[in-house]
C-alpha atoms as a PDB file:
ATOM      1  CA  MET A   1     -33.966-150.806 183.869  1.00  0.00           C
ATOM      2  CA  GLY A   2     -31.167-148.479 183.219  1.00  0.00           C
ATOM      3  CA  SER A   3     -29.574-147.380 179.995  1.00  0.00           C
ATOM      4  CA  ASN A   4     -26.563-148.954 178.353  1.00  0.00           C
ATOM      5  CA  SER A   5     -24.302-145.927 177.817  1.00  0.00           C
ATOM      6  CA  ALA A   6     -22.562-147.494 174.813  1.00  0.00           C
ATOM      7  CA  ALA A   7     -25.686-148.261 172.797  1.00  0.00           C
ATOM      8  CA  GLY A   8     -28.348-146.205 174.588  1.00  0.00           C
ATOM      9  CA  SER A   9     -30.583-149.287 174.824  1.00  0.00           C
ATOM     10  CA  PRO A  10     -32.587-150.188 177.934  1.00  0.00           C
ATOM     11  CA  THR A  11     -31.134-152.749 180.311  1.00  0.00           C
ATOM     12  CA  THR A  12     -32.553-154.947 183.087  1.00  0.00           C
ATOM     13  CA  ARG A  13     -30.817-155.260 186.459  1.00  0.00           C
ATOM     14  CA  THR A  14     -30.271-158.742 187.896  1.00  0.00           C
ATOM     15  CA  SER A  15     -30.387-159.547 191.613  1.00  0.00           C
ATOM     16  CA  SER A  16     -26.596-159.212 191.712  1.00  0.00           C
ATOM     17  CA  GLY A  17     -26.833-155.675 190.314  1.00  0.00           C
ATOM     18  CA  ARG A  18     -25.555-156.527 186.841  1.00  0.00           C
ATOM     19  CA  SER A  19     -27.628-155.457 183.860  1.00  0.00           C
ATOM     20  CA  ILE A  20     -28.877-157.345 180.804  1.00  0.00           C
ATOM     21  CA  PRO A  21     -29.365-155.335 177.595  1.00  0.00           C
ATOM     22  CA  ALA A  22     -32.873-155.421 176.100  1.00  0.00           C
ATOM     23  CA  GLY A  23     -31.489-156.851 172.853  1.00  0.00           C
ATOM     24  CA  ALA A  24     -30.052-159.809 174.762  1.00  0.00           C
ATOM     25  CA  LEU A  25     -33.441-160.411 176.413  1.00  0.00           C
ATOM     26  CA  ARG A  26     -35.153-160.406 173.013  1.00  0.00           C
ATOM     27  CA  THR A  27     -32.540-162.789 171.593  1.00  0.00           C
ATOM     28  CA  LEU A  28     -32.833-165.193 174.535  1.00  0.00           C
ATOM     29  CA  GLY A  29     -36.596-164.910 174.214  1.00  0.00           C
ATOM     30  CA  LEU A  30     -36.407-166.691 170.862  1.00  0.00           C
ATOM     31  CA  VAL A  31     -35.736-169.950 172.716  1.00  0.00           C
ATOM     32  CA  HIS A  32     -36.925-169.268 176.283  1.00  0.00           C
ATOM     33  CA  ARG A  33     -40.589-168.400 176.818  1.00  0.00           C
ATOM     34  CA  ASP A  34     -40.205-166.685 180.216  1.00  0.00           C
ATOM     35  CA  THR A  35     -37.429-164.450 178.926  1.00  0.00           C
ATOM     36  CA  ARG A  36     -39.594-163.584 175.921  1.00  0.00           C
ATOM     37  CA  GLU A  37     -42.309-162.414 178.306  1.00  0.00           C
ATOM     38  CA  LEU A  38     -39.797-160.370 180.320  1.00  0.00           C
ATOM     39  CA  ALA A  39     -38.534-158.709 177.143  1.00  0.00           C
ATOM     40  CA  GLU A  40     -42.113-157.988 176.071  1.00  0.00           C
ATOM     41  CA  MET A  41     -42.885-156.292 179.380  1.00  0.00           C
ATOM     42  CA  SER A  42     -39.561-154.430 179.654  1.00  0.00           C
ATOM     43  CA  PHE A  43     -41.247-151.172 178.569  1.00  0.00           C
ATOM     44  CA  GLN A  44     -42.562-150.945 182.131  1.00  0.00           C
ATOM     45  CA  PHE A  45     -39.048-150.324 183.393  1.00  0.00           C
ATOM     46  CA  THR A  46     -37.867-147.790 180.803  1.00  0.00           C
ATOM     47  CA  ALA A  47     -40.109-144.819 181.616  1.00  0.00           C
ATOM     48  CA  PRO A  48     -42.281-143.599 184.486  1.00  0.00           C
ATOM     49  CA  PHE A  49     -45.936-144.594 184.556  1.00  0.00           C
ATOM     50  CA  VAL A  50     -48.423-141.844 183.733  1.00  0.00           C
ATOM     51  CA  LEU A  51     -51.818-142.268 185.370  1.00  0.00           C
ATOM     52  CA  ASP A  52     -54.913-140.419 184.256  1.00  0.00           C
ATOM     53  CA  SER A  53     -58.082-140.401 186.352  1.00  0.00           C
ATOM     54  CA  ARG A  54     -60.366-138.761 183.787  1.00  0.00           C
ATOM     55  CA  PRO A  55     -63.580-140.680 183.070  1.00  0.00           C
ATOM     56  CA  THR A  56     -63.446-142.921 180.023  1.00  0.00           C
ATOM     57  CA  PRO A  57     -66.282-143.970 177.694  1.00  0.00           C
ATOM     58  CA  PHE A  58     -66.193-147.319 179.518  1.00  0.00           C
ATOM     59  CA  ASP A  59     -66.911-145.556 182.830  1.00  0.00           C
ATOM     60  CA  ALA A  60     -69.907-143.742 181.320  1.00  0.00           C
ATOM     61  CA  ALA A  61     -71.200-146.955 179.757  1.00  0.00           C
ATOM     62  CA  MET A  62     -70.915-148.804 183.066  1.00  0.00           C
ATOM     63  CA  ARG A  63     -72.776-146.037 184.913  1.00  0.00           C
ATOM     64  CA  ALA A  64     -75.561-146.127 182.317  1.00  0.00           C
ATOM     65  CA  THR A  65     -75.783-149.930 182.485  1.00  0.00           C
ATOM     66  CA  VAL A  66     -75.891-150.001 186.287  1.00  0.00           C
ATOM     67  CA  GLY A  67     -78.546-147.257 186.299  1.00  0.00           C
ATOM     68  CA  TRP A  68     -80.640-149.196 183.768  1.00  0.00           C
ATOM     69  CA  TRP A  69     -80.296-152.406 185.791  1.00  0.00           C
ATOM     70  CA  ARG A  70     -81.259-150.706 189.054  1.00  0.00           C
ATOM     71  CA  ALA A  71     -84.301-149.070 187.464  1.00  0.00           C
ATOM     72  CA  ARG A  72     -85.328-152.407 185.944  1.00  0.00           C
ATOM     73  CA  THR A  73     -84.835-154.238 189.248  1.00  0.00           C
ATOM     74  CA  ASP A  74     -86.670-151.556 191.247  1.00  0.00           C
ATOM     75  CA  ALA A  75     -89.607-151.652 188.785  1.00  0.00           C
ATOM     76  CA  GLY A  76     -89.726-155.448 189.030  1.00  0.00           C
ATOM     77  CA  ASN A  77     -89.736-155.337 192.837  1.00  0.00           C
ATOM     78  CA  ALA A  78     -92.584-152.787 192.867  1.00  0.00           C
ATOM     79  CA  VAL A  79     -94.754-154.986 190.656  1.00  0.00           C
ATOM     80  CA  SER A  80     -94.182-158.170 192.658  1.00  0.00           C
ATOM     81  CA  ALA A  81     -94.640-156.528 196.069  1.00  0.00           C
END
């Protein structure tokens, strides 16, 4: 997506190199489902992605769950062996 210099709104480039303003995508999306989805996801083309590799609470929870499961499985194997 580029930027429409007249309105400053994001635009989408077509395969022929022409651009479609974001407002037009949203308007067409009122009657066309696929265009609605494209307009909804257009934020992905307006700014660079920022990735962060810091651990999240989900990561810590998964590590704790896997550790619990391994300990449980190892204890079960020791009893049945």
